[in-house]
Each structure stands twice: as C-alpha cells, then as structure tokens.
Amino acid sequence: CDPYQPIEEKYRLIRKCLEVFLEFPLLEIELMVLTKSTLVL
C-alpha cells in the first residue's frame, strides 16, 4: 500500500510505527519509506 494514503491522516499508523522504531536507537535499524503522498511531510 502507500503508507501515506489519505486514511493515514485518520489512523496515524505509520507515525505510530516510526515512534516505535525511535524506542530502539541502539539497534540502528535502517528504514526506507516509500510513498507518492505529500502527507509524508
């Protein structure tokens, strides 16, 4: 899916997941986010 399709504005699931990744700074997980949406900003 596009993680930033319009429904994300309501559910904010990608944002919640990004916040979870930030809980584990020592693991230094490499992330790639792919979208076609301006909501990513």
PDB file of all heavy atoms in Angstrom:
ATOM      1  N   CYS A   1       0.861  -1.183   0.000  1.00  0.00           N
ATOM      2  CA  CYS A   1       0.000   0.000   0.000  1.00  0.00           C
ATOM      3  C   CYS A   1       0.894   1.229   0.000  1.00  0.00           C
ATOM      4  O   CYS A   1       2.095   1.117   0.239  1.00  0.00           O
ATOM      5  CB  CYS A   1      -0.910   0.031   1.239  1.00  0.00           C
ATOM      6  SG  CYS A   1       0.001   0.221   2.797  1.00  0.00           S
ATOM      7  N   ASP A   2       0.308   2.380  -0.253  1.00  0.00           N
ATOM      8  CA  ASP A   2       1.010   3.628   0.016  1.00  0.00           C
ATOM      9  C   ASP A   2       0.781   3.928   1.490  1.00  0.00           C
ATOM     10  O   ASP A   2      -0.361   4.145   1.915  1.00  0.00           O
ATOM     11  CB  ASP A   2       0.442   4.764  -0.841  1.00  0.00           C
ATOM     12  CG  ASP A   2       1.275   6.038  -0.732  1.00  0.00           C
ATOM     13  OD1 ASP A   2       1.763   6.342   0.380  1.00  0.00           O
ATOM     14  OD2 ASP A   2       1.422   6.737  -1.739  1.00  0.00           O
ATOM     15  N   PRO A   3       1.834   3.927   2.311  1.00  0.00           N
ATOM     16  CA  PRO A   3       1.637   4.109   3.747  1.00  0.00           C
ATOM     17  C   PRO A   3       1.050   5.468   4.119  1.00  0.00           C
ATOM     18  O   PRO A   3       0.505   5.633   5.210  1.00  0.00           O
ATOM     19  CB  PRO A   3       3.043   3.944   4.327  1.00  0.00           C
ATOM     20  CG  PRO A   3       3.952   4.299   3.196  1.00  0.00           C
ATOM     21  CD  PRO A   3       3.257   3.812   1.959  1.00  0.00           C
ATOM     22  N   TYR A   4       1.149   6.434   3.193  1.00  0.00           N
ATOM     23  CA  TYR A   4       0.622   7.776   3.460  1.00  0.00           C
ATOM     24  C   TYR A   4      -0.605   8.095   2.607  1.00  0.00           C
ATOM     25  O   TYR A   4      -0.884   9.261   2.344  1.00  0.00           O
ATOM     26  CB  TYR A   4       1.713   8.823   3.254  1.00  0.00           C
ATOM     27  CG  TYR A   4       2.727   8.837   4.374  1.00  0.00           C
ATOM     28  CD1 TYR A   4       3.936   8.161   4.246  1.00  0.00           C
ATOM     29  CD2 TYR A   4       2.465   9.492   5.571  1.00  0.00           C
ATOM     30  CE1 TYR A   4       4.871   8.151   5.281  1.00  0.00           C
ATOM     31  CE2 TYR A   4       3.385   9.485   6.605  1.00  0.00           C
ATOM     32  CZ  TYR A   4       4.593   8.822   6.446  1.00  0.00           C
ATOM     33  OH  TYR A   4       5.506   8.810   7.482  1.00  0.00           O
ATOM     34  N   GLN A   5      -1.347   7.059   2.215  1.00  0.00           N
ATOM     35  CA  GLN A   5      -2.610   7.308   1.540  1.00  0.00           C
ATOM     36  C   GLN A   5      -3.552   8.020   2.511  1.00  0.00           C
ATOM     37  O   GLN A   5      -3.306   8.043   3.728  1.00  0.00           O
ATOM     38  CB  GLN A   5      -3.209   5.998   1.032  1.00  0.00           C
ATOM     39  CG  GLN A   5      -3.543   4.990   2.128  1.00  0.00           C
ATOM     40  CD  GLN A   5      -4.095   3.696   1.549  1.00  0.00           C
ATOM     41  OE1 GLN A   5      -5.100   3.698   0.867  1.00  0.00           O
ATOM     42  NE2 GLN A   5      -3.404   2.582   1.802  1.00  0.00           N
ATOM     43  N   PRO A   6      -4.636   8.641   2.021  1.00  0.00           N
ATOM     44  CA  PRO A   6      -5.472   9.514   2.868  1.00  0.00           C
ATOM     45  C   PRO A   6      -5.920   8.931   4.199  1.00  0.00           C
ATOM     46  O   PRO A   6      -6.024   9.658   5.190  1.00  0.00           O
ATOM     47  CB  PRO A   6      -6.672   9.802   1.961  1.00  0.00           C
ATOM     48  CG  PRO A   6      -6.104   9.775   0.596  1.00  0.00           C
ATOM     49  CD  PRO A   6      -5.083   8.662   0.610  1.00  0.00           C
ATOM     50  N   ILE A   7      -6.141   7.627   4.274  1.00  0.00           N
ATOM     51  CA  ILE A   7      -6.625   7.020   5.511  1.00  0.00           C
ATOM     52  C   ILE A   7      -5.616   7.166   6.658  1.00  0.00           C
ATOM     53  O   ILE A   7      -5.984   7.150   7.840  1.00  0.00           O
ATOM     54  CB  ILE A   7      -6.974   5.533   5.275  1.00  0.00           C
ATOM     55  CG1 ILE A   7      -7.886   5.018   6.380  1.00  0.00           C
ATOM     56  CG2 ILE A   7      -5.726   4.692   5.128  1.00  0.00           C
ATOM     57  CD1 ILE A   7      -8.434   3.630   6.107  1.00  0.00           C
ATOM     58  N   GLU A   8      -4.328   7.335   6.310  1.00  0.00           N
ATOM     59  CA  GLU A   8      -3.297   7.506   7.326  1.00  0.00           C
ATOM     60  C   GLU A   8      -3.501   8.787   8.129  1.00  0.00           C
ATOM     61  O   GLU A   8      -3.107   8.871   9.297  1.00  0.00           O
ATOM     62  CB  GLU A   8      -1.910   7.503   6.665  1.00  0.00           C
ATOM     63  CG  GLU A   8      -0.750   7.974   7.541  1.00  0.00           C
ATOM     64  CD  GLU A   8      -0.458   7.087   8.741  1.00  0.00           C
ATOM     65  OE1 GLU A   8      -0.998   5.962   8.814  1.00  0.00           O
ATOM     66  OE2 GLU A   8       0.301   7.527   9.623  1.00  0.00           O
ATOM     67  N   GLU A   9      -4.138   9.775   7.528  1.00  0.00           N
ATOM     68  CA  GLU A   9      -4.390  11.028   8.240  1.00  0.00           C
ATOM     69  C   GLU A   9      -5.270  10.789   9.458  1.00  0.00           C
ATOM     70  O   GLU A   9      -5.135  11.460  10.485  1.00  0.00           O
ATOM     71  CB  GLU A   9      -5.044  12.044   7.303  1.00  0.00           C
ATOM     72  CG  GLU A   9      -4.974  13.463   7.807  1.00  0.00           C
ATOM     73  CD  GLU A   9      -5.220  14.477   6.707  1.00  0.00           C
ATOM     74  OE1 GLU A   9      -5.547  14.090   5.566  1.00  0.00           O
ATOM     75  OE2 GLU A   9      -5.088  15.677   7.005  1.00  0.00           O
ATOM     76  N   LYS A  10      -6.161   9.803   9.350  1.00  0.00           N
ATOM     77  CA  LYS A  10      -7.051   9.473  10.469  1.00  0.00           C
ATOM     78  C   LYS A  10      -6.388   8.515  11.454  1.00  0.00           C
ATOM     79  O   LYS A  10      -6.380   8.765  12.664  1.00  0.00           O
ATOM     80  CB  LYS A  10      -8.333   8.849   9.941  1.00  0.00           C
ATOM     81  CG  LYS A  10      -9.242   8.310  11.036  1.00  0.00           C
ATOM     82  CD  LYS A  10     -10.477   7.621  10.476  1.00  0.00           C
ATOM     83  CE  LYS A  10     -11.328   7.045  11.606  1.00  0.00           C
ATOM     84  NZ  LYS A  10     -12.534   6.331  11.091  1.00  0.00           N
ATOM     85  N   TYR A  11      -5.798   7.416  10.946  1.00  0.00           N
ATOM     86  CA  TYR A  11      -5.309   6.358  11.835  1.00  0.00           C
ATOM     87  C   TYR A  11      -3.887   6.588  12.349  1.00  0.00           C
ATOM     88  O   TYR A  11      -3.508   6.046  13.382  1.00  0.00           O
ATOM     89  CB  TYR A  11      -5.394   5.004  11.118  1.00  0.00           C
ATOM     90  CG  TYR A  11      -6.787   4.437  11.106  1.00  0.00           C
ATOM     91  CD1 TYR A  11      -7.632   4.632  10.030  1.00  0.00           C
ATOM     92  CD2 TYR A  11      -7.271   3.711  12.197  1.00  0.00           C
ATOM     93  CE1 TYR A  11      -8.919   4.109  10.013  1.00  0.00           C
ATOM     94  CE2 TYR A  11      -8.552   3.181  12.194  1.00  0.00           C
ATOM     95  CZ  TYR A  11      -9.372   3.377  11.107  1.00  0.00           C
ATOM     96  OH  TYR A  11     -10.654   2.870  11.101  1.00  0.00           O
ATOM     97  N   ARG A  12      -3.054   7.303  11.589  1.00  0.00           N
ATOM     98  CA  ARG A  12      -1.697   7.656  12.014  1.00  0.00           C
ATOM     99  C   ARG A  12      -0.854   6.419  12.365  1.00  0.00           C
ATOM    100  O   ARG A  12      -0.013   6.451  13.261  1.00  0.00           O
ATOM    101  CB  ARG A  12      -1.753   8.618  13.207  1.00  0.00           C
ATOM    102  CG  ARG A  12      -2.513   9.891  12.902  1.00  0.00           C
ATOM    103  CD  ARG A  12      -2.768  10.722  14.157  1.00  0.00           C
ATOM    104  NE  ARG A  12      -1.548  11.292  14.714  1.00  0.00           N
ATOM    105  CZ  ARG A  12      -1.017  12.431  14.336  1.00  0.00           C
ATOM    106  NH1 ARG A  12      -1.584  13.160  13.385  1.00  0.00           N
ATOM    107  NH2 ARG A  12       0.094  12.886  14.895  1.00  0.00           N
ATOM    108  N   LEU A  13      -1.066   5.336  11.643  1.00  0.00           N
ATOM    109  CA  LEU A  13      -0.364   4.088  11.965  1.00  0.00           C
ATOM    110  C   LEU A  13       1.118   4.148  11.615  1.00  0.00           C
ATOM    111  O   LEU A  13       1.955   3.636  12.371  1.00  0.00           O
ATOM    112  CB  LEU A  13      -1.018   2.909  11.241  1.00  0.00           C
ATOM    113  CG  LEU A  13      -2.444   2.564  11.672  1.00  0.00           C
ATOM    114  CD1 LEU A  13      -2.929   1.311  10.950  1.00  0.00           C
ATOM    115  CD2 LEU A  13      -2.536   2.353  13.183  1.00  0.00           C
ATOM    116  N   ILE A  14       1.458   4.766  10.487  1.00  0.00           N
ATOM    117  CA  ILE A  14       2.870   4.877  10.139  1.00  0.00           C
ATOM    118  C   ILE A  14       3.597   5.759  11.150  1.00  0.00           C
ATOM    119  O   ILE A  14       4.721   5.461  11.558  1.00  0.00           O
ATOM    120  CB  ILE A  14       3.044   5.423   8.710  1.00  0.00           C
ATOM    121  CG1 ILE A  14       2.932   4.286   7.711  1.00  0.00           C
ATOM    122  CG2 ILE A  14       4.380   6.118   8.517  1.00  0.00           C
ATOM    123  CD1 ILE A  14       4.077   3.274   7.759  1.00  0.00           C
ATOM    124  N   ARG A  15       2.961   6.832  11.565  1.00  0.00           N
ATOM    125  CA  ARG A  15       3.594   7.683  12.577  1.00  0.00           C
ATOM    126  C   ARG A  15       3.831   6.911  13.874  1.00  0.00           C
ATOM    127  O   ARG A  15       4.893   7.001  14.487  1.00  0.00           O
ATOM    128  CB  ARG A  15       2.750   8.926  12.848  1.00  0.00           C
ATOM    129  CG  ARG A  15       3.441   9.885  13.823  1.00  0.00           C
ATOM    130  CD  ARG A  15       2.769  11.227  13.950  1.00  0.00           C
ATOM    131  NE  ARG A  15       3.500  12.073  14.888  1.00  0.00           N
ATOM    132  CZ  ARG A  15       4.525  12.854  14.586  1.00  0.00           C
ATOM    133  NH1 ARG A  15       4.961  12.908  13.346  1.00  0.00           N
ATOM    134  NH2 ARG A  15       5.138  13.583  15.503  1.00  0.00           N
ATOM    135  N   LYS A  16       2.830   6.125  14.281  1.00  0.00           N
ATOM    136  CA  LYS A  16       2.982   5.318  15.495  1.00  0.00           C
ATOM    137  C   LYS A  16       4.125   4.322  15.349  1.00  0.00           C
ATOM    138  O   LYS A  16       4.882   4.077  16.292  1.00  0.00           O
ATOM    139  CB  LYS A  16       1.674   4.594  15.800  1.00  0.00           C
ATOM    140  CG  LYS A  16       0.543   5.510  16.243  1.00  0.00           C
ATOM    141  CD  LYS A  16      -0.742   4.724  16.449  1.00  0.00           C
ATOM    142  CE  LYS A  16      -1.898   5.646  16.838  1.00  0.00           C
ATOM    143  NZ  LYS A  16      -3.175   4.879  16.992  1.00  0.00           N
ATOM    144  N   CYS A  17       4.261   3.739  14.145  1.00  0.00           N
ATOM    145  CA  CYS A  17       5.345   2.781  13.919  1.00  0.00           C
ATOM    146  C   CYS A  17       6.705   3.475  13.951  1.00  0.00           C
ATOM    147  O   CYS A  17       7.676   2.943  14.505  1.00  0.00           O
ATOM    148  CB  CYS A  17       5.142   2.073  12.580  1.00  0.00           C
ATOM    149  SG  CYS A  17       3.792   0.856  12.584  1.00  0.00           S
ATOM    150  N   LEU A  18       6.795   4.661  13.368  1.00  0.00           N
ATOM    151  CA  LEU A  18       8.046   5.419  13.417  1.00  0.00           C
ATOM    152  C   LEU A  18       8.432   5.726  14.860  1.00  0.00           C
ATOM    153  O   LEU A  18       9.611   5.658  15.235  1.00  0.00           O
ATOM    154  CB  LEU A  18       7.904   6.712  12.617  1.00  0.00           C
ATOM    155  CG  LEU A  18       7.786   6.559  11.095  1.00  0.00           C
ATOM    156  CD1 LEU A  18       7.407   7.896  10.459  1.00  0.00           C
ATOM    157  CD2 LEU A  18       9.072   6.031  10.488  1.00  0.00           C
ATOM    158  N   GLU A  19       7.438   6.055  15.676  1.00  0.00           N
ATOM    159  CA  GLU A  19       7.698   6.322  17.091  1.00  0.00           C
ATOM    160  C   GLU A  19       8.209   5.075  17.798  1.00  0.00           C
ATOM    161  O   GLU A  19       9.070   5.154  18.692  1.00  0.00           O
ATOM    162  CB  GLU A  19       6.426   6.848  17.756  1.00  0.00           C
ATOM    163  CG  GLU A  19       6.050   8.256  17.299  1.00  0.00           C
ATOM    164  CD  GLU A  19       4.678   8.695  17.776  1.00  0.00           C
ATOM    165  OE1 GLU A  19       3.862   7.818  18.160  1.00  0.00           O
ATOM    166  OE2 GLU A  19       4.409   9.909  17.769  1.00  0.00           O
ATOM    167  N   VAL A  20       7.716   3.899  17.393  1.00  0.00           N
ATOM    168  CA  VAL A  20       8.210   2.644  17.968  1.00  0.00           C
ATOM    169  C   VAL A  20       9.670   2.427  17.583  1.00  0.00           C
ATOM    170  O   VAL A  20      10.495   2.048  18.424  1.00  0.00           O
ATOM    171  CB  VAL A  20       7.338   1.445  17.515  1.00  0.00           C
ATOM    172  CG1 VAL A  20       7.997   0.121  17.926  1.00  0.00           C
ATOM    173  CG2 VAL A  20       5.944   1.538  18.122  1.00  0.00           C
ATOM    174  N   PHE A  21      10.007   2.654  16.325  1.00  0.00           N
ATOM    175  CA  PHE A  21      11.406   2.498  15.897  1.00  0.00           C
ATOM    176  C   PHE A  21      12.333   3.402  16.701  1.00  0.00           C
ATOM    177  O   PHE A  21      13.457   3.020  17.033  1.00  0.00           O
ATOM    178  CB  PHE A  21      11.548   2.803  14.403  1.00  0.00           C
ATOM    179  CG  PHE A  21      11.095   1.688  13.504  1.00  0.00           C
ATOM    180  CD1 PHE A  21      10.026   1.876  12.637  1.00  0.00           C
ATOM    181  CD2 PHE A  21      11.746   0.459  13.511  1.00  0.00           C
ATOM    182  CE1 PHE A  21       9.607   0.851  11.794  1.00  0.00           C
ATOM    183  CE2 PHE A  21      11.334  -0.569  12.677  1.00  0.00           C
ATOM    184  CZ  PHE A  21      10.257  -0.377  11.817  1.00  0.00           C
ATOM    185  N   LEU A  22      11.860   4.582  17.046  1.00  0.00           N
ATOM    186  CA  LEU A  22      12.673   5.514  17.833  1.00  0.00           C
ATOM    187  C   LEU A  22      12.920   5.023  19.257  1.00  0.00           C
ATOM    188  O   LEU A  22      13.815   5.525  19.936  1.00  0.00           O
ATOM    189  CB  LEU A  22      11.996   6.888  17.863  1.00  0.00           C
ATOM    190  CG  LEU A  22      12.168   7.739  16.598  1.00  0.00           C
ATOM    191  CD1 LEU A  22      11.237   8.945  16.631  1.00  0.00           C
ATOM    192  CD2 LEU A  22      13.617   8.192  16.439  1.00  0.00           C
ATOM    193  N   GLU A  23      12.146   4.042  19.690  1.00  0.00           N
ATOM    194  CA  GLU A  23      12.352   3.469  21.023  1.00  0.00           C
ATOM    195  C   GLU A  23      13.585   2.564  21.070  1.00  0.00           C
ATOM    196  O   GLU A  23      14.020   2.160  22.152  1.00  0.00           O
ATOM    197  CB  GLU A  23      11.119   2.652  21.437  1.00  0.00           C
ATOM    198  CG  GLU A  23       9.860   3.478  21.636  1.00  0.00           C
ATOM    199  CD  GLU A  23       8.639   2.588  21.918  1.00  0.00           C
ATOM    200  OE1 GLU A  23       8.838   1.389  22.202  1.00  0.00           O
ATOM    201  OE2 GLU A  23       7.511   3.104  21.834  1.00  0.00           O
ATOM    202  N   PHE A  24      14.151   2.240  19.893  1.00  0.00           N
ATOM    203  CA  PHE A  24      15.262   1.292  19.836  1.00  0.00           C
ATOM    204  C   PHE A  24      16.470   1.905  19.116  1.00  0.00           C
ATOM    205  O   PHE A  24      16.938   1.376  18.098  1.00  0.00           O
ATOM    206  CB  PHE A  24      14.817   0.018  19.107  1.00  0.00           C
ATOM    207  CG  PHE A  24      13.684  -0.707  19.770  1.00  0.00           C
ATOM    208  CD1 PHE A  24      12.363  -0.388  19.445  1.00  0.00           C
ATOM    209  CD2 PHE A  24      13.921  -1.687  20.714  1.00  0.00           C
ATOM    210  CE1 PHE A  24      11.305  -1.055  20.052  1.00  0.00           C
ATOM    211  CE2 PHE A  24      12.874  -2.367  21.323  1.00  0.00           C
ATOM    212  CZ  PHE A  24      11.561  -2.046  21.001  1.00  0.00           C
ATOM    213  N   PRO A  25      16.997   3.022  19.613  1.00  0.00           N
ATOM    214  CA  PRO A  25      18.102   3.712  18.917  1.00  0.00           C
ATOM    215  C   PRO A  25      19.373   2.876  18.817  1.00  0.00           C
ATOM    216  O   PRO A  25      20.137   3.018  17.865  1.00  0.00           O
ATOM    217  CB  PRO A  25      18.321   4.967  19.770  1.00  0.00           C
ATOM    218  CG  PRO A  25      17.809   4.591  21.131  1.00  0.00           C
ATOM    219  CD  PRO A  25      16.641   3.703  20.879  1.00  0.00           C
ATOM    220  N   LEU A  26      19.619   2.008  19.777  1.00  0.00           N
ATOM    221  CA  LEU A  26      20.859   1.229  19.776  1.00  0.00           C
ATOM    222  C   LEU A  26      20.892   0.181  18.672  1.00  0.00           C
ATOM    223  O   LEU A  26      21.973  -0.244  18.247  1.00  0.00           O
ATOM    224  CB  LEU A  26      21.061   0.564  21.142  1.00  0.00           C
ATOM    225  CG  LEU A  26      21.255   1.512  22.329  1.00  0.00           C
ATOM    226  CD1 LEU A  26      21.458   0.716  23.615  1.00  0.00           C
ATOM    227  CD2 LEU A  26      22.450   2.436  22.098  1.00  0.00           C
ATOM    228  N   LEU A  27      19.732  -0.244  18.200  1.00  0.00           N
ATOM    229  CA  LEU A  27      19.698  -1.230  17.120  1.00  0.00           C
ATOM    230  C   LEU A  27      20.059  -0.611  15.771  1.00  0.00           C
ATOM    231  O   LEU A  27      20.456  -1.316  14.849  1.00  0.00           O
ATOM    232  CB  LEU A  27      18.312  -1.882  17.035  1.00  0.00           C
ATOM    233  CG  LEU A  27      17.907  -2.801  18.194  1.00  0.00           C
ATOM    234  CD1 LEU A  27      16.518  -3.382  17.937  1.00  0.00           C
ATOM    235  CD2 LEU A  27      18.921  -3.929  18.360  1.00  0.00           C
ATOM    236  N   GLU A  28      19.904   0.713  15.653  1.00  0.00           N
ATOM    237  CA  GLU A  28      20.209   1.435  14.415  1.00  0.00           C
ATOM    238  C   GLU A  28      19.592   0.749  13.195  1.00  0.00           C
ATOM    239  O   GLU A  28      20.270   0.426  12.210  1.00  0.00           O
ATOM    240  CB  GLU A  28      21.726   1.591  14.240  1.00  0.00           C
ATOM    241  CG  GLU A  28      22.345   2.497  15.291  1.00  0.00           C
ATOM    242  CD  GLU A  28      23.781   2.880  14.962  1.00  0.00           C
ATOM    243  OE1 GLU A  28      24.327   2.347  13.967  1.00  0.00           O
ATOM    244  OE2 GLU A  28      24.352   3.704  15.692  1.00  0.00           O
ATOM    245  N   ILE A  29      18.308   0.507  13.270  1.00  0.00           N
ATOM    246  CA  ILE A  29      17.572  -0.130  12.177  1.00  0.00           C
ATOM    247  C   ILE A  29      17.514   0.835  10.991  1.00  0.00           C
ATOM    248  O   ILE A  29      17.185   2.009  11.149  1.00  0.00           O
ATOM    249  CB  ILE A  29      16.148  -0.502  12.626  1.00  0.00           C
ATOM    250  CG1 ILE A  29      16.210  -1.451  13.826  1.00  0.00           C
ATOM    251  CG2 ILE A  29      15.360  -1.140  11.482  1.00  0.00           C
ATOM    252  CD1 ILE A  29      14.878  -1.619  14.537  1.00  0.00           C
ATOM    253  N   GLU A  30      17.835   0.333   9.806  1.00  0.00           N
ATOM    254  CA  GLU A  30      17.767   1.158   8.604  1.00  0.00           C
ATOM    255  C   GLU A  30      16.349   1.094   8.040  1.00  0.00           C
ATOM    256  O   GLU A  30      15.810   0.010   7.811  1.00  0.00           O
ATOM    257  CB  GLU A  30      18.764   0.666   7.561  1.00  0.00           C
ATOM    258  CG  GLU A  30      18.825   1.559   6.335  1.00  0.00           C
ATOM    259  CD  GLU A  30      19.895   1.135   5.349  1.00  0.00           C
ATOM    260  OE1 GLU A  30      20.691   0.237   5.685  1.00  0.00           O
ATOM    261  OE2 GLU A  30      19.929   1.711   4.244  1.00  0.00           O
ATOM    262  N   LEU A  31      15.752   2.254   7.795  1.00  0.00           N
ATOM    263  CA  LEU A  31      14.377   2.327   7.311  1.00  0.00           C
ATOM    264  C   LEU A  31      14.315   2.956   5.928  1.00  0.00           C
ATOM    265  O   LEU A  31      15.034   3.898   5.627  1.00  0.00           O
ATOM    266  CB  LEU A  31      13.513   3.160   8.267  1.00  0.00           C
ATOM    267  CG  LEU A  31      13.407   2.707   9.716  1.00  0.00           C
ATOM    268  CD1 LEU A  31      12.545   3.695  10.501  1.00  0.00           C
ATOM    269  CD2 LEU A  31      12.827   1.316   9.820  1.00  0.00           C
ATOM    270  N   MET A  32      13.428   2.418   5.117  1.00  0.00           N
ATOM    271  CA  MET A  32      13.091   3.026   3.829  1.00  0.00           C
ATOM    272  C   MET A  32      11.590   3.244   3.813  1.00  0.00           C
ATOM    273  O   MET A  32      10.816   2.300   4.011  1.00  0.00           O
ATOM    274  CB  MET A  32      13.499   2.132   2.664  1.00  0.00           C
ATOM    275  CG  MET A  32      12.879   2.539   1.325  1.00  0.00           C
ATOM    276  SD  MET A  32      13.410   4.175   0.733  1.00  0.00           S
ATOM    277  CE  MET A  32      14.998   3.770   0.019  1.00  0.00           C
ATOM    278  N   VAL A  33      11.172   4.476   3.600  1.00  0.00           N
ATOM    279  CA  VAL A  33       9.754   4.810   3.483  1.00  0.00           C
ATOM    280  C   VAL A  33       9.490   5.192   2.031  1.00  0.00           C
ATOM    281  O   VAL A  33      10.217   6.010   1.467  1.00  0.00           O
ATOM    282  CB  VAL A  33       9.377   5.987   4.409  1.00  0.00           C
ATOM    283  CG1 VAL A  33       7.913   6.353   4.220  1.00  0.00           C
ATOM    284  CG2 VAL A  33       9.651   5.629   5.862  1.00  0.00           C
ATOM    285  N   LEU A  34       8.463   4.597   1.431  1.00  0.00           N
ATOM    286  CA  LEU A  34       8.150   4.886   0.034  1.00  0.00           C
ATOM    287  C   LEU A  34       6.700   5.319  -0.108  1.00  0.00           C
ATOM    288  O   LEU A  34       5.795   4.650   0.390  1.00  0.00           O
ATOM    289  CB  LEU A  34       8.396   3.652  -0.831  1.00  0.00           C
ATOM    290  CG  LEU A  34       8.108   3.814  -2.333  1.00  0.00           C
ATOM    291  CD1 LEU A  34       9.005   4.893  -2.935  1.00  0.00           C
ATOM    292  CD2 LEU A  34       8.303   2.493  -3.053  1.00  0.00           C
ATOM    293  N   THR A  35       6.481   6.449  -0.797  1.00  0.00           N
ATOM    294  CA  THR A  35       5.132   6.995  -0.922  1.00  0.00           C
ATOM    295  C   THR A  35       5.004   7.838  -2.195  1.00  0.00           C
ATOM    296  O   THR A  35       6.002   8.138  -2.862  1.00  0.00           O
ATOM    297  CB  THR A  35       4.797   7.859   0.307  1.00  0.00           C
ATOM    298  OG1 THR A  35       3.445   8.328   0.212  1.00  0.00           O
ATOM    299  CG2 THR A  35       5.722   9.060   0.410  1.00  0.00           C
ATOM    300  N   LYS A  36       3.782   8.226  -2.495  1.00  0.00           N
ATOM    301  CA  LYS A  36       3.504   9.213  -3.540  1.00  0.00           C
ATOM    302  C   LYS A  36       2.784  10.407  -2.942  1.00  0.00           C
ATOM    303  O   LYS A  36       2.289  11.258  -3.672  1.00  0.00           O
ATOM    304  CB  LYS A  36       2.606   8.598  -4.622  1.00  0.00           C
ATOM    305  CG  LYS A  36       3.240   7.480  -5.415  1.00  0.00           C
ATOM    306  CD  LYS A  36       2.260   6.918  -6.440  1.00  0.00           C
ATOM    307  CE  LYS A  36       2.960   5.879  -7.303  1.00  0.00           C
ATOM    308  NZ  LYS A  36       2.193   4.646  -7.407  1.00  0.00           N
ATOM    309  N   SER A  37       2.734  10.492  -1.619  1.00  0.00           N
ATOM    310  CA  SER A  37       1.868  11.450  -0.942  1.00  0.00           C
ATOM    311  C   SER A  37       2.630  12.586  -0.266  1.00  0.00           C
ATOM    312  O   SER A  37       3.703  12.385   0.317  1.00  0.00           O
ATOM    313  CB  SER A  37       1.026  10.717   0.111  1.00  0.00           C
ATOM    314  OG  SER A  37       0.294  11.631   0.889  1.00  0.00           O
ATOM    315  N   THR A  38       2.023  13.762  -0.272  1.00  0.00           N
ATOM    316  CA  THR A  38       2.592  14.912   0.441  1.00  0.00           C
ATOM    317  C   THR A  38       2.409  14.774   1.962  1.00  0.00           C
ATOM    318  O   THR A  38       3.068  15.475   2.724  1.00  0.00           O
ATOM    319  CB  THR A  38       1.919  16.213  -0.017  1.00  0.00           C
ATOM    320  OG1 THR A  38       0.503  16.138   0.237  1.00  0.00           O
ATOM    321  CG2 THR A  38       2.143  16.444  -1.506  1.00  0.00           C
ATOM    322  N   LEU A  39       1.539  13.868   2.388  1.00  0.00           N
ATOM    323  CA  LEU A  39       1.294  13.675   3.823  1.00  0.00           C
ATOM    324  C   LEU A  39       2.549  13.234   4.557  1.00  0.00           C
ATOM    325  O   LEU A  39       2.677  13.421   5.765  1.00  0.00           O
ATOM    326  CB  LEU A  39       0.169  12.657   4.035  1.00  0.00           C
ATOM    327  CG  LEU A  39      -0.259  12.360   5.483  1.00  0.00           C
ATOM    328  CD1 LEU A  39      -0.727  13.634   6.184  1.00  0.00           C
ATOM    329  CD2 LEU A  39      -1.340  11.289   5.511  1.00  0.00           C
ATOM    330  N   VAL A  40       3.514  12.687   3.819  1.00  0.00           N
ATOM    331  CA  VAL A  40       4.745  12.215   4.438  1.00  0.00           C
ATOM    332  C   VAL A  40       5.463  13.335   5.197  1.00  0.00           C
ATOM    333  O   VAL A  40       6.159  13.085   6.193  1.00  0.00           O
ATOM    334  CB  VAL A  40       5.680  11.596   3.361  1.00  0.00           C
ATOM    335  CG1 VAL A  40       6.193  12.650   2.403  1.00  0.00           C
ATOM    336  CG2 VAL A  40       6.823  10.834   3.995  1.00  0.00           C
ATOM    337  N   LEU A  41       5.280  14.586   4.776  1.00  0.00           N
ATOM    338  CA  LEU A  41       5.949  15.703   5.458  1.00  0.00           C
ATOM    339  C   LEU A  41       5.427  15.913   6.875  1.00  0.00           C
ATOM    340  O   LEU A  41       6.087  16.559   7.688  1.00  0.00           O
ATOM    341  CB  LEU A  41       5.782  16.985   4.651  1.00  0.00           C
ATOM    342  CG  LEU A  41       6.553  17.047   3.326  1.00  0.00           C
ATOM    343  CD1 LEU A  41       6.271  18.361   2.607  1.00  0.00           C
ATOM    344  CD2 LEU A  41       8.047  16.869   3.551  1.00  0.00           C
TER     345      LEU A  41
END
